[in-house]
């Protein structure tokens, strides 16, 4: 069982991911924005963060950068979700330390 933090400002995405992941016996926490995600990461030390790229306040790239910059969290696996499918989007995500998956593939 993995501890997974879902970070998305869309309630539907939050609920769909939480339902699917908990049905697979994972422990799932939800953060509605990047600022809350960083608070929860410090408390939960999740195994995986599934994070929307574009959110108000703090976007997914910055969440990824800050998590990866913390030595205690640097090995946390992060998947960024985005509607963008440009090569530059993928490069930015990978440079920030994430595994990139398009929302179109869900």
PDB file of N, CA and C in Angstrom:
ATOM      1  N   UNK A   1       0.843  -1.178   0.000  1.00  0.00           N
ATOM      2  CA  UNK A   1       0.000   0.000   0.000  1.00  0.00           C
ATOM      3  C   UNK A   1       0.890   1.243   0.000  1.00  0.00           C
ATOM      4  N   UNK A   2       0.649   2.125  -0.948  1.00  0.00           N
ATOM      5  CA  UNK A   2       1.432   3.354  -1.057  1.00  0.00           C
ATOM      6  C   UNK A   2       0.656   4.530  -0.483  1.00  0.00           C
ATOM      7  N   UNK A   3       1.410   5.511   0.031  1.00  0.00           N
ATOM      8  CA  UNK A   3       0.825   6.785   0.440  1.00  0.00           C
ATOM      9  C   UNK A   3       0.923   7.714  -0.767  1.00  0.00           C
ATOM     10  N   UNK A   4      -0.227   8.182  -1.233  1.00  0.00           N
ATOM     11  CA  UNK A   4      -0.276   8.993  -2.444  1.00  0.00           C
ATOM     12  C   UNK A   4      -0.951  10.323  -2.132  1.00  0.00           C
ATOM     13  N   UNK A   5      -0.327  11.398  -2.581  1.00  0.00           N
ATOM     14  CA  UNK A   5      -0.902  12.729  -2.462  1.00  0.00           C
ATOM     15  C   UNK A   5      -1.378  13.164  -3.844  1.00  0.00           C
ATOM     16  N   UNK A   6      -2.675  13.444  -3.968  1.00  0.00           N
ATOM     17  CA  UNK A   6      -3.258  13.944  -5.210  1.00  0.00           C
ATOM     18  C   UNK A   6      -3.408  15.450  -5.064  1.00  0.00           C
ATOM     19  N   UNK A   7      -2.830  16.192  -6.001  1.00  0.00           N
ATOM     20  CA  UNK A   7      -2.866  17.654  -5.955  1.00  0.00           C
ATOM     21  C   UNK A   7      -3.540  18.146  -7.232  1.00  0.00           C
ATOM     22  N   UNK A   8      -4.735  18.691  -7.076  1.00  0.00           N
ATOM     23  CA  UNK A   8      -5.473  19.190  -8.242  1.00  0.00           C
ATOM     24  C   UNK A   8      -6.539  20.148  -7.759  1.00  0.00           C
ATOM     25  N   UNK A   9      -6.745  21.231  -8.505  1.00  0.00           N
ATOM     26  CA  UNK A   9      -7.763  22.208  -8.133  1.00  0.00           C
ATOM     27  C   UNK A   9      -9.142  21.830  -8.682  1.00  0.00           C
ATOM     28  N   UNK A  10      -9.240  20.746  -9.408  1.00  0.00           N
ATOM     29  CA  UNK A  10     -10.500  20.269  -9.968  1.00  0.00           C
ATOM     30  C   UNK A  10     -11.060  19.157  -9.078  1.00  0.00           C
ATOM     31  N   UNK A  11     -12.224  19.409  -8.477  1.00  0.00           N
ATOM     32  CA  UNK A  11     -12.829  18.458  -7.547  1.00  0.00           C
ATOM     33  C   UNK A  11     -13.114  17.114  -8.215  1.00  0.00           C
ATOM     34  N   UNK A  12     -13.533  17.134  -9.465  1.00  0.00           N
ATOM     35  CA  UNK A  12     -13.817  15.878 -10.172  1.00  0.00           C
ATOM     36  C   UNK A  12     -12.565  15.029 -10.303  1.00  0.00           C
ATOM     37  N   UNK A  13     -11.471  15.639 -10.674  1.00  0.00           N
ATOM     38  CA  UNK A  13     -10.205  14.904 -10.799  1.00  0.00           C
ATOM     39  C   UNK A  13      -9.799  14.348  -9.436  1.00  0.00           C
ATOM     40  N   UNK A  14      -9.928  15.151  -8.396  1.00  0.00           N
ATOM     41  CA  UNK A  14      -9.604  14.689  -7.045  1.00  0.00           C
ATOM     42  C   UNK A  14     -10.389  13.427  -6.695  1.00  0.00           C
ATOM     43  N   UNK A  15     -11.703  13.481  -6.912  1.00  0.00           N
ATOM     44  CA  UNK A  15     -12.563  12.355  -6.528  1.00  0.00           C
ATOM     45  C   UNK A  15     -12.309  11.110  -7.361  1.00  0.00           C
ATOM     46  N   UNK A  16     -12.135  11.285  -8.663  1.00  0.00           N
ATOM     47  CA  UNK A  16     -11.876  10.130  -9.533  1.00  0.00           C
ATOM     48  C   UNK A  16     -10.578   9.448  -9.137  1.00  0.00           C
ATOM     49  N   UNK A  17      -9.512  10.232  -8.975  1.00  0.00           N
ATOM     50  CA  UNK A  17      -8.227   9.635  -8.602  1.00  0.00           C
ATOM     51  C   UNK A  17      -8.290   9.004  -7.215  1.00  0.00           C
ATOM     52  N   UNK A  18      -8.908   9.689  -6.276  1.00  0.00           N
ATOM     53  CA  UNK A  18      -9.001   9.127  -4.919  1.00  0.00           C
ATOM     54  C   UNK A  18      -9.765   7.808  -4.933  1.00  0.00           C
ATOM     55  N   UNK A  19     -10.903   7.765  -5.620  1.00  0.00           N
ATOM     56  CA  UNK A  19     -11.688   6.532  -5.677  1.00  0.00           C
ATOM     57  C   UNK A  19     -10.915   5.385  -6.334  1.00  0.00           C
ATOM     58  N   UNK A  20     -10.263   5.673  -7.433  1.00  0.00           N
ATOM     59  CA  UNK A  20      -9.507   4.615  -8.115  1.00  0.00           C
ATOM     60  C   UNK A  20      -8.338   4.114  -7.278  1.00  0.00           C
ATOM     61  N   UNK A  21      -7.642   5.028  -6.645  1.00  0.00           N
ATOM     62  CA  UNK A  21      -6.459   4.632  -5.870  1.00  0.00           C
ATOM     63  C   UNK A  21      -6.829   3.947  -4.559  1.00  0.00           C
ATOM     64  N   UNK A  22      -7.862   4.421  -3.886  1.00  0.00           N
ATOM     65  CA  UNK A  22      -8.261   3.758  -2.644  1.00  0.00           C
ATOM     66  C   UNK A  22      -8.847   2.380  -2.927  1.00  0.00           C
ATOM     67  N   UNK A  23      -9.459   2.198  -4.090  1.00  0.00           N
ATOM     68  CA  UNK A  23      -9.981   0.869  -4.442  1.00  0.00           C
ATOM     69  C   UNK A  23      -8.848  -0.139  -4.646  1.00  0.00           C
ATOM     70  N   UNK A  24      -7.647   0.369  -4.849  1.00  0.00           N
ATOM     71  CA  UNK A  24      -6.462  -0.480  -4.984  1.00  0.00           C
ATOM     72  C   UNK A  24      -5.688  -0.549  -3.662  1.00  0.00           C
ATOM     73  N   UNK A  25      -6.330  -0.150  -2.578  1.00  0.00           N
ATOM     74  CA  UNK A  25      -5.795  -0.214  -1.209  1.00  0.00           C
ATOM     75  C   UNK A  25      -4.687   0.784  -0.913  1.00  0.00           C
ATOM     76  N   UNK A  26      -4.607   1.870  -1.679  1.00  0.00           N
ATOM     77  CA  UNK A  26      -3.622   2.910  -1.389  1.00  0.00           C
ATOM     78  C   UNK A  26      -4.222   3.924  -0.423  1.00  0.00           C
ATOM     79  N   UNK A  27      -3.362   4.524   0.373  1.00  0.00           N
ATOM     80  CA  UNK A  27      -3.762   5.605   1.272  1.00  0.00           C
ATOM     81  C   UNK A  27      -3.635   6.903   0.482  1.00  0.00           C
ATOM     82  N   UNK A  28      -4.743   7.645   0.362  1.00  0.00           N
ATOM     83  CA  UNK A  28      -4.762   8.823  -0.509  1.00  0.00           C
ATOM     84  C   UNK A  28      -5.141  10.067   0.286  1.00  0.00           C
ATOM     85  N   UNK A  29      -4.338  11.119   0.111  1.00  0.00           N
ATOM     86  CA  UNK A  29      -4.641  12.436   0.667  1.00  0.00           C
ATOM     87  C   UNK A  29      -4.840  13.384  -0.515  1.00  0.00           C
ATOM     88  N   UNK A  30      -5.613  14.435  -0.282  1.00  0.00           N
ATOM     89  CA  UNK A  30      -5.929  15.399  -1.328  1.00  0.00           C
ATOM     90  C   UNK A  30      -5.426  16.778  -0.926  1.00  0.00           C
ATOM     91  N   UNK A  31      -4.843  17.490  -1.897  1.00  0.00           N
ATOM     92  CA  UNK A  31      -4.489  18.901  -1.714  1.00  0.00           C
ATOM     93  C   UNK A  31      -5.089  19.667  -2.897  1.00  0.00           C
ATOM     94  N   UNK A  32      -5.843  20.739  -2.635  1.00  0.00           N
ATOM     95  CA  UNK A  32      -6.500  21.469  -3.720  1.00  0.00           C
ATOM     96  C   UNK A  32      -5.610  22.484  -4.444  1.00  0.00           C
ATOM     97  N   UNK A  33      -4.389  22.675  -3.951  1.00  0.00           N
ATOM     98  CA  UNK A  33      -3.471  23.628  -4.599  1.00  0.00           C
ATOM     99  C   UNK A  33      -2.032  23.311  -4.188  1.00  0.00           C
ATOM    100  N   UNK A  34      -1.099  23.961  -4.843  1.00  0.00           N
ATOM    101  CA  UNK A  34       0.311  23.698  -4.600  1.00  0.00           C
ATOM    102  C   UNK A  34       0.789  24.070  -3.216  1.00  0.00           C
ATOM    103  N   UNK A  35       0.281  25.170  -2.667  1.00  0.00           N
ATOM    104  CA  UNK A  35       0.689  25.572  -1.322  1.00  0.00           C
ATOM    105  C   UNK A  35       0.290  24.522  -0.292  1.00  0.00           C
ATOM    106  N   UNK A  36      -0.942  24.047  -0.389  1.00  0.00           N
ATOM    107  CA  UNK A  36      -1.409  23.013   0.532  1.00  0.00           C
ATOM    108  C   UNK A  36      -0.637  21.716   0.312  1.00  0.00           C
ATOM    109  N   UNK A  37      -0.292  21.432  -0.929  1.00  0.00           N
ATOM    110  CA  UNK A  37       0.492  20.226  -1.230  1.00  0.00           C
ATOM    111  C   UNK A  37       1.823  20.247  -0.487  1.00  0.00           C
ATOM    112  N   UNK A  38       2.508  21.379  -0.504  1.00  0.00           N
ATOM    113  CA  UNK A  38       3.801  21.460   0.175  1.00  0.00           C
ATOM    114  C   UNK A  38       3.649  21.286   1.686  1.00  0.00           C
ATOM    115  N   UNK A  39       2.558  21.785   2.254  1.00  0.00           N
ATOM    116  CA  UNK A  39       2.309  21.564   3.687  1.00  0.00           C
ATOM    117  C   UNK A  39       2.087  20.078   3.964  1.00  0.00           C
ATOM    118  N   UNK A  40       1.265  19.439   3.137  1.00  0.00           N
ATOM    119  CA  UNK A  40       0.956  18.033   3.356  1.00  0.00           C
ATOM    120  C   UNK A  40       2.159  17.121   3.106  1.00  0.00           C
ATOM    121  N   UNK A  41       2.981  17.473   2.153  1.00  0.00           N
ATOM    122  CA  UNK A  41       4.171  16.661   1.870  1.00  0.00           C
ATOM    123  C   UNK A  41       5.062  16.584   3.101  1.00  0.00           C
ATOM    124  N   UNK A  42       5.205  17.694   3.807  1.00  0.00           N
ATOM    125  CA  UNK A  42       6.034  17.725   5.012  1.00  0.00           C
ATOM    126  C   UNK A  42       5.453  16.865   6.138  1.00  0.00           C
ATOM    127  N   UNK A  43       4.150  16.696   6.149  1.00  0.00           N
ATOM    128  CA  UNK A  43       3.490  15.893   7.188  1.00  0.00           C
ATOM    129  C   UNK A  43       3.397  14.412   6.811  1.00  0.00           C
ATOM    130  N   UNK A  44       3.129  14.146   5.550  1.00  0.00           N
ATOM    131  CA  UNK A  44       2.817  12.784   5.114  1.00  0.00           C
ATOM    132  C   UNK A  44       4.001  11.990   4.556  1.00  0.00           C
ATOM    133  N   UNK A  45       4.972  12.669   3.985  1.00  0.00           N
ATOM    134  CA  UNK A  45       6.067  12.018   3.270  1.00  0.00           C
ATOM    135  C   UNK A  45       5.503  10.927   2.341  1.00  0.00           C
ATOM    136  N   UNK A  46       4.722  11.348   1.338  1.00  0.00           N
ATOM    137  CA  UNK A  46       4.081  10.370   0.457  1.00  0.00           C
ATOM    138  C   UNK A  46       5.101   9.627  -0.409  1.00  0.00           C
ATOM    139  N   UNK A  47       4.694   8.442  -0.859  1.00  0.00           N
ATOM    140  CA  UNK A  47       5.516   7.673  -1.797  1.00  0.00           C
ATOM    141  C   UNK A  47       5.394   8.231  -3.203  1.00  0.00           C
ATOM    142  N   UNK A  48       4.228   8.815  -3.500  1.00  0.00           N
ATOM    143  CA  UNK A  48       3.926   9.323  -4.831  1.00  0.00           C
ATOM    144  C   UNK A  48       3.095  10.581  -4.705  1.00  0.00           C
ATOM    145  N   UNK A  49       3.397  11.559  -5.571  1.00  0.00           N
ATOM    146  CA  UNK A  49       2.573  12.754  -5.694  1.00  0.00           C
ATOM    147  C   UNK A  49       2.065  12.793  -7.132  1.00  0.00           C
ATOM    148  N   UNK A  50       0.756  12.873  -7.279  1.00  0.00           N
ATOM    149  CA  UNK A  50       0.145  13.062  -8.598  1.00  0.00           C
ATOM    150  C   UNK A  50      -0.366  14.491  -8.591  1.00  0.00           C
ATOM    151  N   UNK A  51       0.217  15.328  -9.443  1.00  0.00           N
ATOM    152  CA  UNK A  51       0.013  16.771  -9.328  1.00  0.00           C
ATOM    153  C   UNK A  51      -0.379  17.398 -10.659  1.00  0.00           C
ATOM    154  N   UNK A  52      -1.448  18.197 -10.623  1.00  0.00           N
ATOM    155  CA  UNK A  52      -1.837  18.985 -11.784  1.00  0.00           C
ATOM    156  C   UNK A  52      -0.741  20.013 -12.067  1.00  0.00           C
ATOM    157  N   UNK A  53      -0.514  20.293 -13.309  1.00  0.00           N
ATOM    158  CA  UNK A  53       0.519  21.242 -13.699  1.00  0.00           C
ATOM    159  C   UNK A  53       0.057  22.678 -13.477  1.00  0.00           C
ATOM    160  N   UNK A  54      -1.137  23.000 -13.965  1.00  0.00           N
ATOM    161  CA  UNK A  54      -1.611  24.381 -13.918  1.00  0.00           C
ATOM    162  C   UNK A  54      -2.654  24.516 -12.815  1.00  0.00           C
ATOM    163  N   UNK A  55      -2.271  25.270 -11.781  1.00  0.00           N
ATOM    164  CA  UNK A  55      -3.142  25.531 -10.640  1.00  0.00           C
ATOM    165  C   UNK A  55      -2.901  26.955 -10.174  1.00  0.00           C
ATOM    166  N   UNK A  56      -3.893  27.534  -9.497  1.00  0.00           N
ATOM    167  CA  UNK A  56      -3.675  28.866  -8.922  1.00  0.00           C
ATOM    168  C   UNK A  56      -2.697  28.798  -7.750  1.00  0.00           C
ATOM    169  N   UNK A  57      -2.121  29.906  -7.421  1.00  0.00           N
ATOM    170  CA  UNK A  57      -1.201  30.090  -6.287  1.00  0.00           C
ATOM    171  C   UNK A  57       0.187  29.518  -6.554  1.00  0.00           C
ATOM    172  N   UNK A  58       0.286  28.215  -6.745  1.00  0.00           N
ATOM    173  CA  UNK A  58       1.587  27.573  -6.939  1.00  0.00           C
ATOM    174  C   UNK A  58       1.377  26.426  -7.918  1.00  0.00           C
ATOM    175  N   UNK A  59       2.026  26.480  -9.070  1.00  0.00           N
ATOM    176  CA  UNK A  59       1.775  25.451 -10.080  1.00  0.00           C
ATOM    177  C   UNK A  59       2.546  24.162  -9.798  1.00  0.00           C
ATOM    178  N   UNK A  60       2.201  23.130 -10.547  1.00  0.00           N
ATOM    179  CA  UNK A  60       2.791  21.819 -10.348  1.00  0.00           C
ATOM    180  C   UNK A  60       4.294  21.781 -10.551  1.00  0.00           C
ATOM    181  N   UNK A  61       4.804  22.560 -11.502  1.00  0.00           N
ATOM    182  CA  UNK A  61       6.257  22.595 -11.712  1.00  0.00           C
ATOM    183  C   UNK A  61       6.978  23.087 -10.465  1.00  0.00           C
ATOM    184  N   UNK A  62       6.437  24.132  -9.847  1.00  0.00           N
ATOM    185  CA  UNK A  62       7.088  24.677  -8.652  1.00  0.00           C
ATOM    186  C   UNK A  62       6.956  23.707  -7.475  1.00  0.00           C
ATOM    187  N   UNK A  63       5.828  23.028  -7.362  1.00  0.00           N
ATOM    188  CA  UNK A  63       5.685  22.003  -6.331  1.00  0.00           C
ATOM    189  C   UNK A  63       6.763  20.948  -6.523  1.00  0.00           C
ATOM    190  N   UNK A  64       6.913  20.506  -7.753  1.00  0.00           N
ATOM    191  CA  UNK A  64       7.914  19.484  -8.073  1.00  0.00           C
ATOM    192  C   UNK A  64       9.320  19.968  -7.722  1.00  0.00           C
ATOM    193  N   UNK A  65       9.652  21.181  -8.132  1.00  0.00           N
ATOM    194  CA  UNK A  65      10.989  21.729  -7.849  1.00  0.00           C
ATOM    195  C   UNK A  65      11.262  21.793  -6.342  1.00  0.00           C
ATOM    196  N   UNK A  66      10.273  22.268  -5.579  1.00  0.00           N
ATOM    197  CA  UNK A  66      10.481  22.412  -4.142  1.00  0.00           C
ATOM    198  C   UNK A  66      10.585  21.064  -3.441  1.00  0.00           C
ATOM    199  N   UNK A  67       9.792  20.103  -3.869  1.00  0.00           N
ATOM    200  CA  UNK A  67       9.894  18.763  -3.282  1.00  0.00           C
ATOM    201  C   UNK A  67      11.257  18.161  -3.593  1.00  0.00           C
ATOM    202  N   UNK A  68      11.680  18.254  -4.839  1.00  0.00           N
ATOM    203  CA  UNK A  68      12.957  17.658  -5.246  1.00  0.00           C
ATOM    204  C   UNK A  68      14.157  18.375  -4.625  1.00  0.00           C
ATOM    205  N   UNK A  69      13.989  19.642  -4.236  1.00  0.00           N
ATOM    206  CA  UNK A  69      15.080  20.401  -3.613  1.00  0.00           C
ATOM    207  C   UNK A  69      15.284  20.032  -2.142  1.00  0.00           C
ATOM    208  N   UNK A  70      14.301  19.378  -1.538  1.00  0.00           N
ATOM    209  CA  UNK A  70      14.397  18.977  -0.136  1.00  0.00           C
ATOM    210  C   UNK A  70      15.062  17.600  -0.061  1.00  0.00           C
ATOM    211  N   UNK A  71      16.238  17.492   0.556  1.00  0.00           N
ATOM    212  CA  UNK A  71      16.949  16.207   0.591  1.00  0.00           C
ATOM    213  C   UNK A  71      16.128  15.054   1.172  1.00  0.00           C
ATOM    214  N   UNK A  72      15.244  15.349   2.113  1.00  0.00           N
ATOM    215  CA  UNK A  72      14.425  14.291   2.707  1.00  0.00           C
ATOM    216  C   UNK A  72      13.290  13.837   1.793  1.00  0.00           C
ATOM    217  N   UNK A  73      12.965  14.637   0.802  1.00  0.00           N
ATOM    218  CA  UNK A  73      11.849  14.332  -0.102  1.00  0.00           C
ATOM    219  C   UNK A  73      12.287  14.076  -1.534  1.00  0.00           C
ATOM    220  N   UNK A  74      13.558  14.256  -1.815  1.00  0.00           N
ATOM    221  CA  UNK A  74      14.053  14.227  -3.198  1.00  0.00           C
ATOM    222  C   UNK A  74      13.760  12.932  -3.945  1.00  0.00           C
ATOM    223  N   UNK A  75      13.591  11.833  -3.237  1.00  0.00           N
ATOM    224  CA  UNK A  75      13.322  10.562  -3.917  1.00  0.00           C
ATOM    225  C   UNK A  75      11.825  10.315  -4.140  1.00  0.00           C
ATOM    226  N   UNK A  76      10.994  11.253  -3.719  1.00  0.00           N
ATOM    227  CA  UNK A  76       9.549  11.117  -3.922  1.00  0.00           C
ATOM    228  C   UNK A  76       9.248  11.114  -5.415  1.00  0.00           C
ATOM    229  N   UNK A  77       8.476  10.142  -5.844  1.00  0.00           N
ATOM    230  CA  UNK A  77       8.095  10.041  -7.249  1.00  0.00           C
ATOM    231  C   UNK A  77       6.951  11.009  -7.502  1.00  0.00           C
ATOM    232  N   UNK A  78       7.048  11.788  -8.580  1.00  0.00           N
ATOM    233  CA  UNK A  78       6.032  12.792  -8.901  1.00  0.00           C
ATOM    234  C   UNK A  78       5.584  12.617 -10.345  1.00  0.00           C
ATOM    235  N   UNK A  79       4.268  12.589 -10.517  1.00  0.00           N
ATOM    236  CA  UNK A  79       3.676  12.575 -11.853  1.00  0.00           C
ATOM    237  C   UNK A  79       2.934  13.888 -12.025  1.00  0.00           C
ATOM    238  N   UNK A  80       3.289  14.643 -13.076  1.00  0.00           N
ATOM    239  CA  UNK A  80       2.588  15.887 -13.389  1.00  0.00           C
ATOM    240  C   UNK A  80       1.529  15.595 -14.445  1.00  0.00           C
ATOM    241  N   UNK A  81       0.321  16.075 -14.204  1.00  0.00           N
ATOM    242  CA  UNK A  81      -0.770  15.923 -15.156  1.00  0.00           C
ATOM    243  C   UNK A  81      -0.964  17.235 -15.897  1.00  0.00           C
ATOM    244  N   UNK A  82      -1.121  17.151 -17.210  1.00  0.00           N
ATOM    245  CA  UNK A  82      -1.315  18.352 -18.007  1.00  0.00           C
ATOM    246  C   UNK A  82      -2.078  18.035 -19.278  1.00  0.00           C
ATOM    247  N   UNK A  83      -2.771  19.033 -19.773  1.00  0.00           N
ATOM    248  CA  UNK A  83      -3.433  18.903 -21.070  1.00  0.00           C
ATOM    249  C   UNK A  83      -2.444  19.222 -22.186  1.00  0.00           C
ATOM    250  N   UNK A  84      -1.344  19.868 -21.842  1.00  0.00           N
ATOM    251  CA  UNK A  84      -0.342  20.223 -22.842  1.00  0.00           C
ATOM    252  C   UNK A  84       0.372  18.996 -23.376  1.00  0.00           C
ATOM    253  N   UNK A  85       0.649  19.027 -24.655  1.00  0.00           N
ATOM    254  CA  UNK A  85       1.366  17.900 -25.226  1.00  0.00           C
ATOM    255  C   UNK A  85       2.572  18.355 -26.053  1.00  0.00           C
ATOM    256  N   UNK A  86       3.041  19.538 -25.759  1.00  0.00           N
ATOM    257  CA  UNK A  86       4.214  20.060 -26.437  1.00  0.00           C
ATOM    258  C   UNK A  86       5.477  19.433 -25.854  1.00  0.00           C
ATOM    259  N   UNK A  87       6.454  19.235 -26.686  1.00  0.00           N
ATOM    260  CA  UNK A  87       7.738  18.692 -26.234  1.00  0.00           C
ATOM    261  C   UNK A  87       8.332  19.587 -25.149  1.00  0.00           C
ATOM    262  N   UNK A  88       8.192  20.903 -25.293  1.00  0.00           N
ATOM    263  CA  UNK A  88       8.755  21.812 -24.290  1.00  0.00           C
ATOM    264  C   UNK A  88       8.100  21.600 -22.929  1.00  0.00           C
ATOM    265  N   UNK A  89       6.788  21.256 -22.906  1.00  0.00           N
ATOM    266  CA  UNK A  89       6.117  20.952 -21.640  1.00  0.00           C
ATOM    267  C   UNK A  89       6.761  19.741 -20.988  1.00  0.00           C
ATOM    268  N   UNK A  90       6.993  18.719 -21.768  1.00  0.00           N
ATOM    269  CA  UNK A  90       7.584  17.486 -21.239  1.00  0.00           C
ATOM    270  C   UNK A  90       8.995  17.732 -20.720  1.00  0.00           C
ATOM    271  N   UNK A  91       9.758  18.503 -21.454  1.00  0.00           N
ATOM    272  CA  UNK A  91      11.123  18.806 -21.029  1.00  0.00           C
ATOM    273  C   UNK A  91      11.109  19.586 -19.718  1.00  0.00           C
ATOM    274  N   UNK A  92      10.235  20.577 -19.606  1.00  0.00           N
ATOM    275  CA  UNK A  92      10.136  21.346 -18.358  1.00  0.00           C
ATOM    276  C   UNK A  92       9.783  20.437 -17.191  1.00  0.00           C
ATOM    277  N   UNK A  93       8.822  19.566 -17.396  1.00  0.00           N
ATOM    278  CA  UNK A  93       8.417  18.651 -16.327  1.00  0.00           C
ATOM    279  C   UNK A  93       9.528  17.716 -15.913  1.00  0.00           C
ATOM    280  N   UNK A  94      10.206  17.152 -16.883  1.00  0.00           N
ATOM    281  CA  UNK A  94      11.308  16.242 -16.575  1.00  0.00           C
ATOM    282  C   UNK A  94      12.463  16.983 -15.908  1.00  0.00           C
ATOM    283  N   UNK A  95      12.742  18.199 -16.366  1.00  0.00           N
ATOM    284  CA  UNK A  95      13.793  18.999 -15.740  1.00  0.00           C
ATOM    285  C   UNK A  95      13.476  19.313 -14.277  1.00  0.00           C
ATOM    286  N   UNK A  96      12.188  19.456 -13.965  1.00  0.00           N
ATOM    287  CA  UNK A  96      11.785  19.742 -12.593  1.00  0.00           C
ATOM    288  C   UNK A  96      11.828  18.493 -11.718  1.00  0.00           C
ATOM    289  N   UNK A  97      11.961  17.313 -12.351  1.00  0.00           N
ATOM    290  CA  UNK A  97      12.090  16.077 -11.576  1.00  0.00           C
ATOM    291  C   UNK A  97      10.871  15.187 -11.599  1.00  0.00           C
ATOM    292  N   UNK A  98       9.953  15.431 -12.523  1.00  0.00           N
ATOM    293  CA  UNK A  98       8.717  14.643 -12.552  1.00  0.00           C
ATOM    294  C   UNK A  98       8.747  13.585 -13.643  1.00  0.00           C
ATOM    295  N   UNK A  99       7.770  12.720 -13.558  1.00  0.00           N
ATOM    296  CA  UNK A  99       7.422  11.807 -14.639  1.00  0.00           C
ATOM    297  C   UNK A  99       6.210  12.446 -15.284  1.00  0.00           C
ATOM    298  N   UNK A 100       6.215  12.645 -16.572  1.00  0.00           N
ATOM    299  CA  UNK A 100       5.156  13.413 -17.254  1.00  0.00           C
ATOM    300  C   UNK A 100       4.122  12.479 -17.861  1.00  0.00           C
ATOM    301  N   UNK A 101       2.850  12.714 -17.555  1.00  0.00           N
ATOM    302  CA  UNK A 101       1.733  11.990 -18.144  1.00  0.00           C
ATOM    303  C   UNK A 101       0.694  13.006 -18.586  1.00  0.00           C
ATOM    304  N   UNK A 102       0.158  12.866 -19.760  1.00  0.00           N
ATOM    305  CA  UNK A 102      -0.853  13.762 -20.259  1.00  0.00           C
ATOM    306  C   UNK A 102      -2.220  13.398 -19.706  1.00  0.00           C
ATOM    307  N   UNK A 103      -3.032  14.389 -19.357  1.00  0.00           N
ATOM    308  CA  UNK A 103      -4.399  14.115 -18.893  1.00  0.00           C
ATOM    309  C   UNK A 103      -5.197  13.422 -19.977  1.00  0.00           C
ATOM    310  N   UNK A 104      -4.832  13.598 -21.205  1.00  0.00           N
ATOM    311  CA  UNK A 104      -5.554  12.961 -22.308  1.00  0.00           C
ATOM    312  C   UNK A 104      -5.443  11.445 -22.254  1.00  0.00           C
ATOM    313  N   UNK A 105      -4.417  10.927 -21.582  1.00  0.00           N
ATOM    314  CA  UNK A 105      -4.206   9.486 -21.517  1.00  0.00           C
ATOM    315  C   UNK A 105      -4.951   8.831 -20.378  1.00  0.00           C
ATOM    316  N   UNK A 106      -5.704   9.583 -19.590  1.00  0.00           N
ATOM    317  CA  UNK A 106      -6.395   8.993 -18.452  1.00  0.00           C
ATOM    318  C   UNK A 106      -7.643   8.303 -18.867  1.00  0.00           C
TER     319      UNK A 106
END
